[in-house]
Amino acid sequence: MNKHFWKWVKNQAEDDTEAERKLFLDGVISETTWFEDDITPAMFKEELDEGTGPITVWINSPGGDVIAAAQIYNMLSQYPGKVTVMIDGLAASA
């Protein structure tokens, strides 16, 4: 069972530049979706570092663990490429 709360989509580049990736954060970020044996911060970081092009992050989350959200924010802020954040929905608890 896949408990990822994130999904990557890569657009095709029309020239030699690195294609933009979209990162969709959907659903509650909790211990069972972030700190399980197979779903970890290290896995997210590895997937983040698989490309170097720009990233658009789409957030549609009903909230969740603030520690996990802070870790995601820190990883995205250290990403060497351009990161744009778009918010579709966010719970007050987030």
PDB file of N, CA and C in Angstrom:
ATOM      1  N   MET A   1       0.834  -1.188   0.000  1.00  0.00           N
ATOM      2  CA  MET A   1       0.000   0.000   0.000  1.00  0.00           C
ATOM      3  C   MET A   1       0.881   1.254   0.000  1.00  0.00           C
ATOM      4  N   ASN A   2       0.623   2.139  -0.917  1.00  0.00           N
ATOM      5  CA  ASN A   2       1.403   3.357  -1.033  1.00  0.00           C
ATOM      6  C   ASN A   2       0.800   4.453  -0.168  1.00  0.00           C
ATOM      7  N   LYS A   3       1.563   4.929   0.804  1.00  0.00           N
ATOM      8  CA  LYS A   3       1.069   5.964   1.703  1.00  0.00           C
ATOM      9  C   LYS A   3       1.720   7.312   1.418  1.00  0.00           C
ATOM     10  N   HIS A   4       2.336   7.450   0.241  1.00  0.00           N
ATOM     11  CA  HIS A   4       2.911   8.746  -0.114  1.00  0.00           C
ATOM     12  C   HIS A   4       1.833   9.820  -0.057  1.00  0.00           C
ATOM     13  N   PHE A   5       2.158  10.940   0.501  1.00  0.00           N
ATOM     14  CA  PHE A   5       1.265  12.091   0.438  1.00  0.00           C
ATOM     15  C   PHE A   5       1.773  13.066  -0.622  1.00  0.00           C
ATOM     16  N   TRP A   6       2.840  12.692  -1.338  1.00  0.00           N
ATOM     17  CA  TRP A   6       3.379  13.544  -2.386  1.00  0.00           C
ATOM     18  C   TRP A   6       3.418  12.783  -3.697  1.00  0.00           C
ATOM     19  N   LYS A   7       3.390  13.547  -4.796  1.00  0.00           N
ATOM     20  CA  LYS A   7       3.467  12.966  -6.135  1.00  0.00           C
ATOM     21  C   LYS A   7       4.253  13.927  -7.021  1.00  0.00           C
ATOM     22  N   TRP A   8       5.196  13.387  -7.766  1.00  0.00           N
ATOM     23  CA  TRP A   8       5.997  14.177  -8.696  1.00  0.00           C
ATOM     24  C   TRP A   8       5.452  14.015 -10.114  1.00  0.00           C
ATOM     25  N   VAL A   9       5.419  15.112 -10.871  1.00  0.00           N
ATOM     26  CA  VAL A   9       5.068  15.084 -12.284  1.00  0.00           C
ATOM     27  C   VAL A   9       6.125  15.910 -13.005  1.00  0.00           C
ATOM     28  N   LYS A  10       6.712  15.331 -14.039  1.00  0.00           N
ATOM     29  CA  LYS A  10       7.760  16.049 -14.775  1.00  0.00           C
ATOM     30  C   LYS A  10       7.228  16.430 -16.151  1.00  0.00           C
ATOM     31  N   ASN A  11       7.320  17.714 -16.472  1.00  0.00           N
ATOM     32  CA  ASN A  11       6.924  18.203 -17.795  1.00  0.00           C
ATOM     33  C   ASN A  11       8.061  17.972 -18.776  1.00  0.00           C
ATOM     34  N   GLN A  12       7.727  17.833 -20.028  1.00  0.00           N
ATOM     35  CA  GLN A  12       8.739  17.684 -21.068  1.00  0.00           C
ATOM     36  C   GLN A  12       9.286  19.055 -21.451  1.00  0.00           C
ATOM     37  N   ALA A  13      10.593  19.166 -21.516  1.00  0.00           N
ATOM     38  CA  ALA A  13      11.228  20.415 -21.945  1.00  0.00           C
ATOM     39  C   ALA A  13      11.238  20.468 -23.465  1.00  0.00           C
ATOM     40  N   GLU A  14      11.010  21.655 -24.016  1.00  0.00           N
ATOM     41  CA  GLU A  14      10.996  21.815 -25.466  1.00  0.00           C
ATOM     42  C   GLU A  14      12.384  22.081 -26.034  1.00  0.00           C
ATOM     43  N   ASP A  15      13.330  22.383 -25.167  1.00  0.00           N
ATOM     44  CA  ASP A  15      14.695  22.628 -25.624  1.00  0.00           C
ATOM     45  C   ASP A  15      15.659  21.854 -24.726  1.00  0.00           C
ATOM     46  N   ASP A  16      16.881  22.292 -24.638  1.00  0.00           N
ATOM     47  CA  ASP A  16      17.891  21.565 -23.857  1.00  0.00           C
ATOM     48  C   ASP A  16      17.857  21.889 -22.366  1.00  0.00           C
ATOM     49  N   THR A  17      16.942  22.728 -21.921  1.00  0.00           N
ATOM     50  CA  THR A  17      16.885  23.081 -20.508  1.00  0.00           C
ATOM     51  C   THR A  17      16.275  21.942 -19.698  1.00  0.00           C
ATOM     52  N   GLU A  18      16.527  21.963 -18.417  1.00  0.00           N
ATOM     53  CA  GLU A  18      15.960  20.969 -17.501  1.00  0.00           C
ATOM     54  C   GLU A  18      14.453  21.193 -17.419  1.00  0.00           C
ATOM     55  N   ALA A  19      13.693  20.126 -17.541  1.00  0.00           N
ATOM     56  CA  ALA A  19      12.234  20.221 -17.495  1.00  0.00           C
ATOM     57  C   ALA A  19      11.753  20.584 -16.097  1.00  0.00           C
ATOM     58  N   GLU A  20      10.675  21.359 -16.053  1.00  0.00           N
ATOM     59  CA  GLU A  20      10.067  21.703 -14.768  1.00  0.00           C
ATOM     60  C   GLU A  20       9.414  20.462 -14.170  1.00  0.00           C
ATOM     61  N   ARG A  21       9.520  20.338 -12.856  1.00  0.00           N
ATOM     62  CA  ARG A  21       8.813  19.279 -12.136  1.00  0.00           C
ATOM     63  C   ARG A  21       7.736  19.922 -11.286  1.00  0.00           C
ATOM     64  N   LYS A  22       6.635  19.215 -11.141  1.00  0.00           N
ATOM     65  CA  LYS A  22       5.577  19.654 -10.241  1.00  0.00           C
ATOM     66  C   LYS A  22       5.522  18.668  -9.094  1.00  0.00           C
ATOM     67  N   LEU A  23       5.410  19.213  -7.903  1.00  0.00           N
ATOM     68  CA  LEU A  23       5.310  18.404  -6.693  1.00  0.00           C
ATOM     69  C   LEU A  23       3.956  18.682  -6.070  1.00  0.00           C
ATOM     70  N   PHE A  24       3.132  17.649  -5.981  1.00  0.00           N
ATOM     71  CA  PHE A  24       1.807  17.779  -5.394  1.00  0.00           C
ATOM     72  C   PHE A  24       1.833  17.189  -3.986  1.00  0.00           C
ATOM     73  N   LEU A  25       1.517  18.011  -2.994  1.00  0.00           N
ATOM     74  CA  LEU A  25       1.408  17.558  -1.608  1.00  0.00           C
ATOM     75  C   LEU A  25      -0.075  17.492  -1.280  1.00  0.00           C
ATOM     76  N   ASP A  26      -0.608  16.271  -1.239  1.00  0.00           N
ATOM     77  CA  ASP A  26      -2.030  16.051  -1.003  1.00  0.00           C
ATOM     78  C   ASP A  26      -2.210  15.156   0.214  1.00  0.00           C
ATOM     79  N   GLY A  27      -3.042  15.567   1.124  1.00  0.00           N
ATOM     80  CA  GLY A  27      -3.387  14.715   2.245  1.00  0.00           C
ATOM     81  C   GLY A  27      -2.661  15.075   3.521  1.00  0.00           C
ATOM     82  N   VAL A  28      -3.067  14.411   4.562  1.00  0.00           N
ATOM     83  CA  VAL A  28      -2.517  14.661   5.895  1.00  0.00           C
ATOM     84  C   VAL A  28      -1.095  14.124   5.984  1.00  0.00           C
ATOM     85  N   ILE A  29      -0.212  14.930   6.529  1.00  0.00           N
ATOM     86  CA  ILE A  29       1.155  14.500   6.796  1.00  0.00           C
ATOM     87  C   ILE A  29       1.176  14.047   8.252  1.00  0.00           C
ATOM     88  N   SER A  30       1.351  12.751   8.464  1.00  0.00           N
ATOM     89  CA  SER A  30       1.316  12.209   9.822  1.00  0.00           C
ATOM     90  C   SER A  30       2.442  11.198  10.001  1.00  0.00           C
ATOM     91  N   GLU A  31       2.555  10.670  11.202  1.00  0.00           N
ATOM     92  CA  GLU A  31       3.615   9.678  11.448  1.00  0.00           C
ATOM     93  C   GLU A  31       3.495   8.483  10.521  1.00  0.00           C
ATOM     94  N   THR A  32       2.263   8.080  10.181  1.00  0.00           N
ATOM     95  CA  THR A  32       2.104   6.914   9.312  1.00  0.00           C
ATOM     96  C   THR A  32       2.352   7.237   7.849  1.00  0.00           C
ATOM     97  N   THR A  33       2.399   8.521   7.481  1.00  0.00           N
ATOM     98  CA  THR A  33       2.699   8.864   6.092  1.00  0.00           C
ATOM     99  C   THR A  33       4.093   9.459   5.921  1.00  0.00           C
ATOM    100  N   TRP A  34       4.817   9.682   7.002  1.00  0.00           N
ATOM    101  CA  TRP A  34       6.127  10.341   6.916  1.00  0.00           C
ATOM    102  C   TRP A  34       7.219   9.578   7.625  1.00  0.00           C
ATOM    103  N   PHE A  35       6.912   8.903   8.698  1.00  0.00           N
ATOM    104  CA  PHE A  35       7.959   8.258   9.486  1.00  0.00           C
ATOM    105  C   PHE A  35       7.863   6.737   9.499  1.00  0.00           C
ATOM    106  N   GLU A  36       7.151   6.135   8.529  1.00  0.00           N
ATOM    107  CA  GLU A  36       7.135   4.677   8.446  1.00  0.00           C
ATOM    108  C   GLU A  36       8.446   4.188   7.860  1.00  0.00           C
ATOM    109  N   ASP A  37       8.650   2.875   7.912  1.00  0.00           N
ATOM    110  CA  ASP A  37       9.898   2.300   7.417  1.00  0.00           C
ATOM    111  C   ASP A  37      10.144   2.605   5.942  1.00  0.00           C
ATOM    112  N   ASP A  38       9.079   2.595   5.124  1.00  0.00           N
ATOM    113  CA  ASP A  38       9.276   2.778   3.690  1.00  0.00           C
ATOM    114  C   ASP A  38       8.957   4.193   3.200  1.00  0.00           C
ATOM    115  N   ILE A  39       8.369   5.036   4.027  1.00  0.00           N
ATOM    116  CA  ILE A  39       8.079   6.425   3.663  1.00  0.00           C
ATOM    117  C   ILE A  39       8.817   7.312   4.659  1.00  0.00           C
ATOM    118  N   THR A  40       9.924   7.883   4.235  1.00  0.00           N
ATOM    119  CA  THR A  40      10.780   8.617   5.174  1.00  0.00           C
ATOM    120  C   THR A  40      11.207   9.966   4.605  1.00  0.00           C
ATOM    121  N   PRO A  41      11.668  10.868   5.465  1.00  0.00           N
ATOM    122  CA  PRO A  41      12.235  12.122   4.970  1.00  0.00           C
ATOM    123  C   PRO A  41      13.386  11.893   3.985  1.00  0.00           C
ATOM    124  N   ALA A  42      14.194  10.868   4.218  1.00  0.00           N
ATOM    125  CA  ALA A  42      15.307  10.577   3.313  1.00  0.00           C
ATOM    126  C   ALA A  42      14.798  10.212   1.917  1.00  0.00           C
ATOM    127  N   MET A  43      13.688   9.490   1.836  1.00  0.00           N
ATOM    128  CA  MET A  43      13.107   9.127   0.543  1.00  0.00           C
ATOM    129  C   MET A  43      12.637  10.388  -0.193  1.00  0.00           C
ATOM    130  N   PHE A  44      11.986  11.289   0.529  1.00  0.00           N
ATOM    131  CA  PHE A  44      11.534  12.539  -0.077  1.00  0.00           C
ATOM    132  C   PHE A  44      12.733  13.336  -0.591  1.00  0.00           C
ATOM    133  N   LYS A  45      13.771  13.450   0.217  1.00  0.00           N
ATOM    134  CA  LYS A  45      14.978  14.198  -0.155  1.00  0.00           C
ATOM    135  C   LYS A  45      15.632  13.592  -1.392  1.00  0.00           C
ATOM    136  N   GLU A  46      15.683  12.275  -1.456  1.00  0.00           N
ATOM    137  CA  GLU A  46      16.267  11.593  -2.614  1.00  0.00           C
ATOM    138  C   GLU A  46      15.488  11.930  -3.886  1.00  0.00           C
ATOM    139  N   GLU A  47      14.161  11.878  -3.803  1.00  0.00           N
ATOM    140  CA  GLU A  47      13.336  12.208  -4.966  1.00  0.00           C
ATOM    141  C   GLU A  47      13.467  13.684  -5.333  1.00  0.00           C
ATOM    142  N   LEU A  48      13.582  14.555  -4.355  1.00  0.00           N
ATOM    143  CA  LEU A  48      13.772  15.986  -4.600  1.00  0.00           C
ATOM    144  C   LEU A  48      15.069  16.223  -5.365  1.00  0.00           C
ATOM    145  N   ASP A  49      16.122  15.532  -4.986  1.00  0.00           N
ATOM    146  CA  ASP A  49      17.448  15.736  -5.576  1.00  0.00           C
ATOM    147  C   ASP A  49      17.648  15.021  -6.907  1.00  0.00           C
ATOM    148  N   GLU A  50      16.625  14.308  -7.413  1.00  0.00           N
ATOM    149  CA  GLU A  50      16.761  13.602  -8.686  1.00  0.00           C
ATOM    150  C   GLU A  50      16.816  14.540  -9.885  1.00  0.00           C
ATOM    151  N   GLY A  51      16.464  15.785  -9.718  1.00  0.00           N
ATOM    152  CA  GLY A  51      16.504  16.750 -10.810  1.00  0.00           C
ATOM    153  C   GLY A  51      17.106  18.050 -10.339  1.00  0.00           C
ATOM    154  N   THR A  52      17.369  18.946 -11.297  1.00  0.00           N
ATOM    155  CA  THR A  52      17.952  20.236 -10.958  1.00  0.00           C
ATOM    156  C   THR A  52      17.129  21.400 -11.483  1.00  0.00           C
ATOM    157  N   GLY A  53      16.101  21.107 -12.240  1.00  0.00           N
ATOM    158  CA  GLY A  53      15.295  22.166 -12.842  1.00  0.00           C
ATOM    159  C   GLY A  53      14.322  22.784 -11.852  1.00  0.00           C
ATOM    160  N   PRO A  54      13.528  23.726 -12.335  1.00  0.00           N
ATOM    161  CA  PRO A  54      12.563  24.402 -11.472  1.00  0.00           C
ATOM    162  C   PRO A  54      11.475  23.457 -10.982  1.00  0.00           C
ATOM    163  N   ILE A  55      10.932  23.771  -9.803  1.00  0.00           N
ATOM    164  CA  ILE A  55       9.869  22.968  -9.198  1.00  0.00           C
ATOM    165  C   ILE A  55       8.715  23.895  -8.833  1.00  0.00           C
ATOM    166  N   THR A  56       7.506  23.476  -9.173  1.00  0.00           N
ATOM    167  CA  THR A  56       6.301  24.138  -8.672  1.00  0.00           C
ATOM    168  C   THR A  56       5.662  23.181  -7.683  1.00  0.00           C
ATOM    169  N   VAL A  57       5.475  23.640  -6.463  1.00  0.00           N
ATOM    170  CA  VAL A  57       4.886  22.829  -5.402  1.00  0.00           C
ATOM    171  C   VAL A  57       3.419  23.231  -5.261  1.00  0.00           C
ATOM    172  N   TRP A  58       2.520  22.269  -5.402  1.00  0.00           N
ATOM    173  CA  TRP A  58       1.095  22.486  -5.218  1.00  0.00           C
ATOM    174  C   TRP A  58       0.691  21.862  -3.896  1.00  0.00           C
ATOM    175  N   ILE A  59       0.198  22.687  -2.968  1.00  0.00           N
ATOM    176  CA  ILE A  59      -0.199  22.197  -1.649  1.00  0.00           C
ATOM    177  C   ILE A  59      -1.714  22.156  -1.574  1.00  0.00           C
ATOM    178  N   ASN A  60      -2.246  20.979  -1.281  1.00  0.00           N
ATOM    179  CA  ASN A  60      -3.668  20.797  -1.026  1.00  0.00           C
ATOM    180  C   ASN A  60      -3.745  19.815   0.130  1.00  0.00           C
ATOM    181  N   SER A  61      -3.554  20.325   1.320  1.00  0.00           N
ATOM    182  CA  SER A  61      -3.418  19.462   2.484  1.00  0.00           C
ATOM    183  C   SER A  61      -4.343  19.891   3.611  1.00  0.00           C
ATOM    184  N   PRO A  62      -4.983  18.920   4.229  1.00  0.00           N
ATOM    185  CA  PRO A  62      -5.806  19.257   5.383  1.00  0.00           C
ATOM    186  C   PRO A  62      -4.998  19.429   6.660  1.00  0.00           C
ATOM    187  N   GLY A  63      -3.709  19.516   6.567  1.00  0.00           N
ATOM    188  CA  GLY A  63      -2.876  19.755   7.745  1.00  0.00           C
ATOM    189  C   GLY A  63      -2.058  18.542   8.112  1.00  0.00           C
ATOM    190  N   GLY A  64      -1.572  18.554   9.329  1.00  0.00           N
ATOM    191  CA  GLY A  64      -0.778  17.428   9.777  1.00  0.00           C
ATOM    192  C   GLY A  64       0.350  17.842  10.689  1.00  0.00           C
ATOM    193  N   ASP A  65       1.368  17.030  10.700  1.00  0.00           N
ATOM    194  CA  ASP A  65       2.507  17.143  11.593  1.00  0.00           C
ATOM    195  C   ASP A  65       3.379  18.348  11.227  1.00  0.00           C
ATOM    196  N   VAL A  66       3.535  19.288  12.146  1.00  0.00           N
ATOM    197  CA  VAL A  66       4.333  20.486  11.878  1.00  0.00           C
ATOM    198  C   VAL A  66       5.824  20.178  11.744  1.00  0.00           C
ATOM    199  N   ILE A  67       6.287  19.151  12.416  1.00  0.00           N
ATOM    200  CA  ILE A  67       7.702  18.778  12.300  1.00  0.00           C
ATOM    201  C   ILE A  67       7.993  18.312  10.877  1.00  0.00           C
ATOM    202  N   ALA A  68       7.132  17.467  10.343  1.00  0.00           N
ATOM    203  CA  ALA A  68       7.313  16.993   8.972  1.00  0.00           C
ATOM    204  C   ALA A  68       7.217  18.152   7.987  1.00  0.00           C
ATOM    205  N   ALA A  69       6.255  19.045   8.187  1.00  0.00           N
ATOM    206  CA  ALA A  69       6.113  20.204   7.302  1.00  0.00           C
ATOM    207  C   ALA A  69       7.365  21.077   7.340  1.00  0.00           C
ATOM    208  N   ALA A  70       7.940  21.258   8.514  1.00  0.00           N
ATOM    209  CA  ALA A  70       9.170  22.045   8.648  1.00  0.00           C
ATOM    210  C   ALA A  70      10.329  21.363   7.920  1.00  0.00           C
ATOM    211  N   GLN A  71      10.410  20.034   8.004  1.00  0.00           N
ATOM    212  CA  GLN A  71      11.465  19.308   7.306  1.00  0.00           C
ATOM    213  C   GLN A  71      11.322  19.475   5.790  1.00  0.00           C
ATOM    214  N   ILE A  72      10.093  19.390   5.297  1.00  0.00           N
ATOM    215  CA  ILE A  72       9.852  19.566   3.864  1.00  0.00           C
ATOM    216  C   ILE A  72      10.245  20.979   3.444  1.00  0.00           C
ATOM    217  N   TYR A  73       9.832  21.969   4.223  1.00  0.00           N
ATOM    218  CA  TYR A  73      10.177  23.365   3.933  1.00  0.00           C
ATOM    219  C   TYR A  73      11.692  23.542   3.871  1.00  0.00           C
ATOM    220  N   ASN A  74      12.407  22.992   4.839  1.00  0.00           N
ATOM    221  CA  ASN A  74      13.868  23.125   4.861  1.00  0.00           C
ATOM    222  C   ASN A  74      14.511  22.471   3.646  1.00  0.00           C
ATOM    223  N   MET A  75      14.016  21.298   3.260  1.00  0.00           N
ATOM    224  CA  MET A  75      14.573  20.627   2.084  1.00  0.00           C
ATOM    225  C   MET A  75      14.333  21.457   0.821  1.00  0.00           C
ATOM    226  N   LEU A  76      13.121  22.001   0.691  1.00  0.00           N
ATOM    227  CA  LEU A  76      12.802  22.806  -0.488  1.00  0.00           C
ATOM    228  C   LEU A  76      13.591  24.119  -0.491  1.00  0.00           C
ATOM    229  N   SER A  77      13.822  24.709   0.672  1.00  0.00           N
ATOM    230  CA  SER A  77      14.570  25.971   0.726  1.00  0.00           C
ATOM    231  C   SER A  77      16.045  25.773   0.398  1.00  0.00           C
ATOM    232  N   GLN A  78      16.558  24.568   0.557  1.00  0.00           N
ATOM    233  CA  GLN A  78      17.955  24.270   0.240  1.00  0.00           C
ATOM    234  C   GLN A  78      18.129  23.776  -1.196  1.00  0.00           C
ATOM    235  N   TYR A  79      17.026  23.552  -1.897  1.00  0.00           N
ATOM    236  CA  TYR A  79      17.085  23.087  -3.278  1.00  0.00           C
ATOM    237  C   TYR A  79      17.754  24.150  -4.145  1.00  0.00           C
ATOM    238  N   PRO A  80      18.725  23.775  -4.995  1.00  0.00           N
ATOM    239  CA  PRO A  80      19.470  24.782  -5.748  1.00  0.00           C
ATOM    240  C   PRO A  80      18.679  25.448  -6.874  1.00  0.00           C
ATOM    241  N   GLY A  81      17.602  24.835  -7.332  1.00  0.00           N
ATOM    242  CA  GLY A  81      16.816  25.411  -8.414  1.00  0.00           C
ATOM    243  C   GLY A  81      15.699  26.297  -7.887  1.00  0.00           C
ATOM    244  N   LYS A  82      14.951  26.865  -8.819  1.00  0.00           N
ATOM    245  CA  LYS A  82      13.828  27.734  -8.481  1.00  0.00           C
ATOM    246  C   LYS A  82      12.656  26.901  -7.958  1.00  0.00           C
ATOM    247  N   VAL A  83      12.063  27.342  -6.836  1.00  0.00           N
ATOM    248  CA  VAL A  83      10.907  26.663  -6.249  1.00  0.00           C
ATOM    249  C   VAL A  83       9.775  27.683  -6.130  1.00  0.00           C
ATOM    250  N   THR A  84       8.632  27.346  -6.717  1.00  0.00           N
ATOM    251  CA  THR A  84       7.434  28.174  -6.628  1.00  0.00           C
ATOM    252  C   THR A  84       6.389  27.387  -5.861  1.00  0.00           C
ATOM    253  N   VAL A  85       5.744  28.025  -4.886  1.00  0.00           N
ATOM    254  CA  VAL A  85       4.740  27.347  -4.075  1.00  0.00           C
ATOM    255  C   VAL A  85       3.361  27.915  -4.411  1.00  0.00           C
ATOM    256  N   MET A  86       2.435  27.009  -4.740  1.00  0.00           N
ATOM    257  CA  MET A  86       1.049  27.364  -5.020  1.00  0.00           C
ATOM    258  C   MET A  86       0.177  26.635  -3.991  1.00  0.00           C
ATOM    259  N   ILE A  87      -0.799  27.326  -3.423  1.00  0.00           N
ATOM    260  CA  ILE A  87      -1.634  26.707  -2.396  1.00  0.00           C
ATOM    261  C   ILE A  87      -3.072  26.584  -2.888  1.00  0.00           C
ATOM    262  N   ASP A  88      -3.553  25.331  -2.988  1.00  0.00           N
ATOM    263  CA  ASP A  88      -4.946  25.060  -3.346  1.00  0.00           C
ATOM    264  C   ASP A  88      -5.811  25.034  -2.097  1.00  0.00           C
ATOM    265  N   GLY A  89      -5.290  24.472  -1.034  1.00  0.00           N
ATOM    266  CA  GLY A  89      -6.043  24.380   0.202  1.00  0.00           C
ATOM    267  C   GLY A  89      -5.102  24.054   1.347  1.00  0.00           C
ATOM    268  N   LEU A  90      -5.380  24.641   2.501  1.00  0.00           N
ATOM    269  CA  LEU A  90      -4.532  24.432   3.665  1.00  0.00           C
ATOM    270  C   LEU A  90      -5.382  24.578   4.909  1.00  0.00           C
ATOM    271  N   ALA A  91      -5.292  23.606   5.785  1.00  0.00           N
ATOM    272  CA  ALA A  91      -6.061  23.654   7.019  1.00  0.00           C
ATOM    273  C   ALA A  91      -5.454  24.670   7.976  1.00  0.00           C
ATOM    274  N   ALA A  92      -6.270  25.202   8.845  1.00  0.00           N
ATOM    275  CA  ALA A  92      -5.786  26.143   9.848  1.00  0.00           C
ATOM    276  C   ALA A  92      -4.712  25.514  10.723  1.00  0.00           C
ATOM    277  N   SER A  93      -4.801  24.194  10.953  1.00  0.00           N
ATOM    278  CA  SER A  93      -3.817  23.514  11.783  1.00  0.00           C
ATOM    279  C   SER A  93      -2.452  23.447  11.131  1.00  0.00           C
ATOM    280  N   ALA A  94      -2.415  23.615   9.821  1.00  0.00           N
ATOM    281  CA  ALA A  94      -1.136  23.556   9.097  1.00  0.00           C
ATOM    282  C   ALA A  94      -0.382  24.850   9.264  1.00  0.00           C
TER     283      ALA A  94
END
